[in-house]
């Protein structure tokens, strides 16, 4: 067994006291204030933070990559790759940033982020708001966490809202070529509910074309750059068995290395009657836990042990993380759980999952 990291750092202890104050603010304002402050602290006084490296754990080998631990950050929290070094002090084994699109876009108008505290849920309708590929890659290139290869870096790519779905392949290829030299793995986001028609890419005909083109370009980039970068596909939790079966078959047909299961859900029946339940957008957090695990379990049964699966959706504690592993996940990611539980969640998950995997 590896030595357990201390959970007594002030950062772990302070968040529960700060959360009620942060929750008095508009959620998007709170996000920029808290993570912006963390970023500035990391830049000007990094000695006040924990070491920016993964918490010690049993290593995981997935999709040809070595993960220092099984707990990662889900895409969406750091859309522009601005916070990689600051978030590294949480102890993640891997960090996924984005979604990035070829051109900058503002996303949907505010307000577009809503908390549902009684259910430990979050609704967002951001719409791939980001500063575009150039700014995104500049941030990746200047990250010390990336340069020193402290953990695994996933880069999440999407299409611009203005690009018709029948031309989506063009946007994904632009992004793939740009991020490939800098990524440890690349996630193809086809499942956000906040970009019109994006989820149509999960249909058989469109997904087949997309995966075929991406795998062909991946092979070209592998030869020209001399680096193997696996592809993951991020899918929705709102798929029926037939759709999951189709995706699983295409994943195997085109030798896609992994799947991220799942994105946010458009089904808000579990929070009916609570404030903001009628807001448009994707629901994440605790209400997503069961459904995302069901999709994960079905997917694992269909793709077998050879495909890397990242379980994400509603991981609020160690038990939720273990449920993802038992449903077939090799690795897990968190986002909403950080908002409700703070950085201590990463420590708890690494410790609890390591015990389970070592048993």
Protein backbone atom coordinates (compact mmCIF):
# COMPACT_ATOMS: atom_id res chain seq x y z
CA UNK A 1 0.00 0.00 0.00
CA UNK A 2 1.16 3.53 -0.74
CA UNK A 3 1.44 6.09 2.04
CA UNK A 4 -1.67 8.09 2.67
CA UNK A 5 -1.43 11.83 1.97
CA UNK A 6 -2.47 14.19 4.72
CA UNK A 7 -6.02 15.50 4.57
CA UNK A 8 -5.36 18.28 7.08
CA UNK A 9 -4.17 20.96 4.67
CA UNK A 10 -5.92 24.27 5.17
CA UNK A 11 -7.38 24.12 1.67
CA UNK A 12 -9.36 20.97 2.53
CA UNK A 13 -10.54 22.49 5.81
CA UNK A 14 -11.46 25.98 4.62
CA UNK A 15 -13.93 25.16 1.86
CA UNK A 16 -16.84 23.96 4.06
CA UNK A 17 -16.71 27.33 5.85
CA UNK A 18 -16.52 29.31 2.61
CA UNK A 19 -19.21 27.41 0.72
CA UNK A 20 -22.24 29.10 2.36
CA UNK A 21 -20.77 32.48 1.43
CA UNK A 22 -20.02 31.41 -2.13
CA UNK A 23 -23.53 29.97 -2.47
CA UNK A 24 -24.94 33.42 -1.73
CA UNK A 25 -23.48 34.60 -5.03
CA UNK A 26 -24.63 33.94 -8.56
CA UNK A 27 -23.15 30.51 -9.43
CA UNK A 28 -21.09 31.71 -12.38
CA UNK A 29 -19.77 34.69 -10.40
CA UNK A 30 -18.92 32.35 -7.53
CA UNK A 31 -17.08 30.03 -9.91
CA UNK A 32 -14.92 32.82 -11.34
CA UNK A 33 -14.23 34.28 -7.90
CA UNK A 34 -13.22 31.02 -6.20
CA UNK A 35 -11.18 29.46 -8.97
CA UNK A 36 -9.74 32.79 -10.06
CA UNK A 37 -8.53 33.36 -6.49
CA UNK A 38 -7.04 29.88 -6.40
CA UNK A 39 -5.26 30.54 -9.69
CA UNK A 40 -3.79 33.80 -8.44
CA UNK A 41 -2.69 32.15 -5.20
CA UNK A 42 -1.00 29.39 -7.14
CA UNK A 43 0.77 31.97 -9.31
CA UNK A 44 1.99 34.32 -6.60
CA UNK A 45 2.21 32.17 -3.45
CA UNK A 46 2.28 28.50 -4.47
CA UNK A 47 3.96 27.51 -1.18
CA UNK A 48 0.62 28.12 0.54
CA UNK A 49 -1.00 25.31 -1.47
CA UNK A 50 -0.46 21.55 -1.45
CA UNK A 51 2.10 20.23 -3.90
CA UNK A 52 0.80 20.37 -7.47
CA UNK A 53 1.09 16.65 -8.12
CA UNK A 54 -1.15 13.57 -8.00
CA UNK A 55 -1.96 12.03 -4.65
CA UNK A 56 -0.02 8.78 -4.21
CA UNK A 57 -1.99 5.69 -5.12
CA UNK A 58 -1.85 2.46 -7.04
CA UNK A 59 -1.24 3.30 -10.69
CA UNK A 60 -3.80 2.49 -13.38
CA UNK A 61 -3.00 1.43 -16.94
CA UNK A 62 -5.81 2.48 -19.29
CA UNK A 63 -5.78 2.95 -23.07
CA UNK A 64 -2.01 2.60 -23.10
CA UNK A 65 -1.55 5.40 -20.56
CA UNK A 66 -0.24 5.28 -17.00
CA UNK A 67 -2.54 7.13 -14.60
CA UNK A 68 -0.93 8.01 -11.22
CA UNK A 69 -4.34 7.55 -9.59
CA UNK A 70 -7.86 6.83 -10.82
CA UNK A 71 -9.47 10.18 -9.95
CA UNK A 72 -9.70 12.92 -12.56
CA UNK A 73 -11.28 16.29 -13.20
CA UNK A 74 -14.15 16.26 -15.69
CA UNK A 75 -14.17 18.65 -18.62
CA UNK A 76 -16.25 21.80 -18.28
CA UNK A 77 -14.81 23.28 -15.11
CA UNK A 78 -11.69 24.60 -16.85
CA UNK A 79 -12.92 25.37 -20.34
CA UNK A 80 -9.90 27.41 -21.44
CA UNK A 81 -7.12 25.41 -19.74
CA UNK A 82 -6.41 28.40 -17.49
CA UNK A 83 -6.48 26.53 -14.16
CA UNK A 84 -4.42 23.40 -14.80
CA UNK A 85 -1.59 24.26 -12.41
CA UNK A 86 -3.94 25.46 -9.67
CA UNK A 87 -6.19 22.41 -9.98
CA UNK A 88 -3.12 20.19 -9.89
CA UNK A 89 -2.81 20.89 -6.16
CA UNK A 90 -6.07 18.99 -5.57
CA UNK A 91 -4.19 15.75 -6.24
CA UNK A 92 -5.90 14.56 -9.42
CA UNK A 93 -4.28 11.72 -11.33
CA UNK A 94 -5.56 13.26 -14.53
CA UNK A 95 -7.13 16.53 -15.60
CA UNK A 96 -9.42 17.02 -18.60
CA UNK A 97 -9.91 20.56 -19.88
CA UNK A 98 -12.24 22.06 -22.49
CA UNK A 99 -14.52 21.74 -24.34
CA UNK A 100 -12.61 23.81 -26.90
CA UNK A 101 -13.98 24.76 -30.32
CA UNK A 102 -12.03 26.01 -33.35
CA UNK A 103 -13.25 29.60 -33.01
CA UNK A 104 -14.01 31.55 -29.82
CA UNK A 105 -17.68 31.71 -28.89
CA UNK A 106 -19.55 33.35 -26.00
CA UNK A 107 -21.99 30.52 -25.40
CA UNK A 108 -25.53 31.11 -24.27
CA UNK A 109 -26.56 34.30 -22.45
CA UNK A 110 -26.45 34.52 -18.66
CA UNK A 111 -27.87 33.34 -16.36
CA UNK A 112 -26.87 29.88 -17.54
CA UNK A 113 -25.74 28.10 -14.37
CA UNK A 114 -28.10 27.11 -11.54
CA UNK A 115 -27.62 25.25 -8.27
CA UNK A 116 -30.18 22.79 -6.91
CA UNK A 117 -28.79 22.45 -3.36
CA UNK A 118 -31.49 20.21 -1.93
CA UNK A 119 -30.62 17.60 -4.54
CA UNK A 120 -26.89 18.42 -4.71
CA UNK A 121 -27.41 19.12 -8.39
CA UNK A 122 -26.31 21.71 -10.93
CA UNK A 123 -27.99 22.76 -14.17
CA UNK A 124 -25.94 24.45 -16.87
CA UNK A 125 -26.63 25.68 -20.36
CA UNK A 126 -23.24 27.22 -21.10
CA UNK A 127 -23.14 26.18 -24.75
CA UNK A 128 -19.41 25.55 -25.20
CA UNK A 129 -18.40 29.07 -24.17
CA UNK A 130 -14.63 29.27 -24.70
CA UNK A 131 -11.85 31.48 -26.04
CA UNK A 132 -11.02 29.21 -28.97
CA UNK A 133 -8.13 26.98 -29.93
CA UNK A 134 -5.33 29.56 -29.97
CA UNK A 135 -5.89 30.78 -26.41
CA UNK A 136 -6.58 27.24 -25.18
CA UNK A 137 -3.30 25.86 -26.53
CA UNK A 138 -1.28 28.82 -25.27
CA UNK A 139 -2.50 28.00 -21.77
CA UNK A 140 -1.69 24.31 -22.16
CA UNK A 141 1.81 25.07 -23.45
CA UNK A 142 2.64 27.35 -20.50
CA UNK A 143 1.39 24.97 -17.79
CA UNK A 144 4.11 23.61 -15.48
CA UNK A 145 1.86 20.66 -14.56
CA UNK A 146 1.80 19.73 -18.24
CA UNK A 147 5.48 20.46 -18.96
CA UNK A 148 6.64 18.37 -16.01
CA UNK A 149 4.16 15.58 -16.84
CA UNK A 150 2.85 15.43 -13.29
CA UNK A 151 -0.35 13.69 -14.38
CA UNK A 152 -2.32 12.72 -17.47
CA UNK A 153 -3.85 15.52 -19.54
CA UNK A 154 -7.07 15.09 -21.50
CA UNK A 155 -8.11 17.69 -24.06
CA UNK A 156 -11.83 17.82 -24.85
CA UNK A 157 -12.89 18.99 -28.33
CA UNK A 158 -16.21 20.08 -29.86
CA UNK A 159 -17.77 22.00 -32.71
CA UNK A 160 -18.76 25.64 -32.95
CA UNK A 161 -22.47 26.37 -32.56
CA UNK A 162 -22.47 28.09 -35.97
CA UNK A 163 -21.19 24.97 -37.73
CA UNK A 164 -24.03 22.86 -39.18
CA UNK A 165 -24.13 19.33 -37.82
CA UNK A 166 -23.50 17.91 -41.30
CA UNK A 167 -20.18 19.82 -41.32
CA UNK A 168 -19.26 18.99 -37.73
CA UNK A 169 -16.47 16.66 -38.85
CA UNK A 170 -14.55 19.67 -40.15
CA UNK A 171 -14.50 21.32 -36.72
CA UNK A 172 -13.48 18.13 -34.93
CA UNK A 173 -10.64 17.55 -37.39
CA UNK A 174 -9.39 21.13 -36.92
CA UNK A 175 -9.35 20.62 -33.17
CA UNK A 176 -7.83 17.15 -33.35
CA UNK A 177 -4.89 18.33 -35.44
CA UNK A 178 -4.26 21.31 -33.17
CA UNK A 179 -4.43 19.59 -29.79
CA UNK A 180 -2.86 16.25 -30.74
CA UNK A 181 0.78 17.17 -29.98
CA UNK A 182 -0.15 18.40 -26.49
CA UNK A 183 -2.68 15.82 -25.32
CA UNK A 184 -2.20 12.54 -23.50
CA UNK A 185 -5.71 11.63 -24.64
CA UNK A 186 -8.40 13.47 -26.59
CA UNK A 187 -12.11 13.39 -25.77
CA UNK A 188 -14.61 13.93 -28.57
CA UNK A 189 -17.62 15.64 -27.02
CA UNK A 190 -20.77 14.70 -28.93
CA UNK A 191 -23.16 14.78 -25.99
CA UNK A 192 -23.56 18.27 -24.56
CA UNK A 193 -27.28 19.16 -24.58
CA UNK A 194 -26.51 22.86 -24.89
CA UNK A 195 -25.34 23.08 -28.51
CA UNK A 196 -28.18 22.67 -30.97
CA UNK A 197 -28.17 19.30 -32.80
CA UNK A 198 -24.87 18.21 -31.22
CA UNK A 199 -26.40 15.04 -29.79
CA UNK A 200 -27.49 14.10 -33.31
CA UNK A 201 -23.85 13.05 -33.74
CA UNK A 202 -24.64 10.03 -31.55
CA UNK A 203 -26.87 8.66 -34.31
CA UNK A 204 -25.44 5.75 -36.30
CA UNK A 205 -24.86 7.43 -39.65
CA UNK A 206 -23.30 10.64 -38.33
CA UNK A 207 -21.26 8.90 -35.64
CA UNK A 208 -19.89 6.37 -38.13
CA UNK A 209 -18.68 9.15 -40.43
CA UNK A 210 -17.19 11.13 -37.55
CA UNK A 211 -15.31 8.21 -36.01
CA UNK A 212 -14.02 6.99 -39.36
CA UNK A 213 -12.60 10.42 -40.18
CA UNK A 214 -11.10 10.93 -36.73
CA UNK A 215 -9.42 7.52 -36.66
CA UNK A 216 -7.96 8.08 -40.12
CA UNK A 217 -6.55 11.44 -39.05
CA UNK A 218 -5.32 9.96 -35.77
CA UNK A 219 -3.26 7.47 -37.79
CA UNK A 220 -1.84 10.29 -39.94
CA UNK A 221 -0.89 12.30 -36.87
CA UNK A 222 0.66 9.27 -35.18
CA UNK A 223 2.95 8.78 -38.17
CA UNK A 224 3.85 12.45 -38.63
CA UNK A 225 4.32 13.38 -34.96
CA UNK A 226 5.51 10.02 -33.66
CA UNK A 227 3.16 10.01 -30.70
CA UNK A 228 0.25 7.76 -29.76
CA UNK A 229 -2.75 9.72 -28.43
CA UNK A 230 -5.87 7.65 -27.68
CA UNK A 231 -9.35 8.90 -28.53
CA UNK A 232 -12.25 8.85 -26.09
CA UNK A 233 -15.87 9.63 -26.97
CA UNK A 234 -18.11 11.35 -24.42
CA UNK A 235 -21.71 10.14 -24.52
CA UNK A 236 -25.03 11.19 -23.00
CA UNK A 237 -26.89 9.44 -20.18
CA UNK A 238 -30.21 9.80 -22.04
CA UNK A 239 -29.62 6.96 -24.50
CA UNK A 240 -31.88 3.94 -24.85
CA UNK A 241 -30.50 0.40 -25.09
CA UNK A 242 -30.55 0.43 -28.89
CA UNK A 243 -28.53 3.64 -29.07
CA UNK A 244 -26.02 2.35 -26.50
CA UNK A 245 -25.68 -0.82 -28.56
CA UNK A 246 -25.05 1.16 -31.73
CA UNK A 247 -22.40 3.30 -30.07
CA UNK A 248 -20.72 0.25 -28.55
CA UNK A 249 -20.58 -1.47 -31.94
CA UNK A 250 -19.06 1.58 -33.64
CA UNK A 251 -16.56 2.05 -30.80
CA UNK A 252 -15.33 -1.47 -31.43
CA UNK A 253 -15.53 -1.24 -35.22
CA UNK A 254 -13.23 1.78 -35.34
CA UNK A 255 -11.00 0.76 -32.42
CA UNK A 256 -11.84 3.83 -30.35
CA UNK A 257 -9.69 3.53 -27.25
CA UNK A 258 -12.19 4.76 -24.67
CA UNK A 259 -15.54 6.23 -23.68
CA UNK A 260 -16.44 8.88 -21.11
CA UNK A 261 -19.82 7.98 -19.62
CA UNK A 262 -21.61 10.26 -19.12
CA UNK A 263 -22.36 13.90 -19.85
CA UNK A 264 -25.23 15.79 -18.18
CA UNK A 265 -28.86 14.71 -18.49
CA UNK A 266 -31.87 16.54 -19.89
CA UNK A 267 -34.17 14.43 -17.70
CA UNK A 268 -35.06 16.52 -14.66
CA UNK A 269 -37.86 14.34 -13.32
CA UNK A 270 -35.84 13.51 -10.20
CA UNK A 271 -35.75 17.18 -9.15
CA UNK A 272 -39.33 18.12 -10.00
CA UNK A 273 -40.75 20.64 -7.55
CA UNK A 274 -37.36 22.05 -6.57
CA UNK A 275 -36.23 25.58 -7.47
CA UNK A 276 -34.74 25.83 -10.99
CA UNK A 277 -36.05 22.38 -11.99
CA UNK A 278 -37.68 23.91 -15.08
CA UNK A 279 -34.50 25.60 -16.33
CA UNK A 280 -33.23 24.48 -19.71
CA UNK A 281 -29.84 22.80 -19.75
CA UNK A 282 -28.03 19.70 -18.57
CA UNK A 283 -28.39 18.40 -15.01
CA UNK A 284 -25.32 17.11 -13.19
CA UNK A 285 -24.50 16.14 -9.63
CA UNK A 286 -26.14 13.60 -7.35
CA UNK A 287 -29.38 13.27 -9.40
CA UNK A 288 -27.32 11.91 -12.30
CA UNK A 289 -25.54 9.18 -10.35
CA UNK A 290 -27.83 6.20 -10.95
CA UNK A 291 -28.54 6.85 -14.62
CA UNK A 292 -24.91 7.43 -15.53
CA UNK A 293 -23.95 4.18 -13.79
CA UNK A 294 -26.65 2.28 -15.67
CA UNK A 295 -25.28 3.50 -19.01
CA UNK A 296 -21.77 2.66 -17.89
CA UNK A 297 -22.74 -0.88 -16.89
CA UNK A 298 -24.53 -1.56 -20.17
CA UNK A 299 -21.61 -0.16 -22.13
CA UNK A 300 -19.06 -2.31 -20.32
CA UNK A 301 -21.11 -5.43 -21.00
CA UNK A 302 -21.11 -4.60 -24.71
CA UNK A 303 -17.52 -3.45 -25.29
CA UNK A 304 -15.82 -5.94 -23.00
CA UNK A 305 -12.64 -5.33 -20.99
CA UNK A 306 -10.48 -3.91 -23.78
CA UNK A 307 -12.04 -0.44 -24.02
CA UNK A 308 -11.12 2.19 -21.44
CA UNK A 309 -14.14 3.59 -19.61
CA UNK A 310 -14.19 6.77 -17.56
CA UNK A 311 -17.19 6.97 -15.21
CA UNK A 312 -18.52 10.45 -14.47
CA UNK A 313 -21.83 11.74 -13.17
CA UNK A 314 -23.00 12.25 -9.61
CA UNK A 315 -19.86 11.25 -7.71
CA UNK A 316 -20.32 13.02 -4.39
CA UNK A 317 -18.50 10.61 -2.05
CA UNK A 318 -16.42 7.45 -1.96
CA UNK A 319 -19.47 5.19 -2.25
CA UNK A 320 -20.45 6.91 -5.50
CA UNK A 321 -16.94 6.46 -6.84
CA UNK A 322 -16.95 2.78 -5.93
CA UNK A 323 -20.32 2.38 -7.66
CA UNK A 324 -18.73 3.61 -10.89
CA UNK A 325 -15.89 1.10 -10.59
CA UNK A 326 -18.35 -1.71 -9.88
CA UNK A 327 -20.35 -0.62 -12.94
CA UNK A 328 -17.30 -1.09 -15.14
CA UNK A 329 -15.32 2.14 -14.99
CA UNK A 330 -11.52 2.03 -15.08
CA UNK A 331 -11.26 5.65 -13.97
CA UNK A 332 -13.61 8.28 -12.59
CA UNK A 333 -14.05 12.04 -12.97
CA UNK A 334 -15.66 14.67 -10.74
CA UNK A 335 -17.03 18.17 -11.27
CA UNK A 336 -20.27 18.93 -9.41
CA UNK A 337 -19.01 17.00 -6.39
CA UNK A 338 -16.18 19.51 -6.06
CA UNK A 339 -18.67 22.36 -5.88
CA UNK A 340 -20.61 20.74 -3.05
CA UNK A 341 -17.82 18.91 -1.21
CA UNK A 342 -14.66 20.85 -2.01
CA UNK A 343 -11.14 19.58 -2.76
CA UNK A 344 -11.23 17.13 0.17
CA UNK A 345 -13.41 14.95 -2.08
CA UNK A 346 -10.41 14.12 -4.27
CA UNK A 347 -8.41 12.90 -1.27
CA UNK A 348 -11.31 10.78 -0.02
CA UNK A 349 -11.87 9.22 -3.44
CA UNK A 350 -8.21 8.40 -4.05
CA UNK A 351 -7.93 6.74 -0.64
CA UNK A 352 -11.22 4.85 -0.87
CA UNK A 353 -10.75 3.65 -4.43
CA UNK A 354 -7.19 2.59 -3.77
CA UNK A 355 -8.35 0.43 -0.86
CA UNK A 356 -10.99 -1.17 -3.11
CA UNK A 357 -8.58 -1.84 -5.97
CA UNK A 358 -5.92 -3.23 -3.65
CA UNK A 359 -8.32 -5.57 -1.83
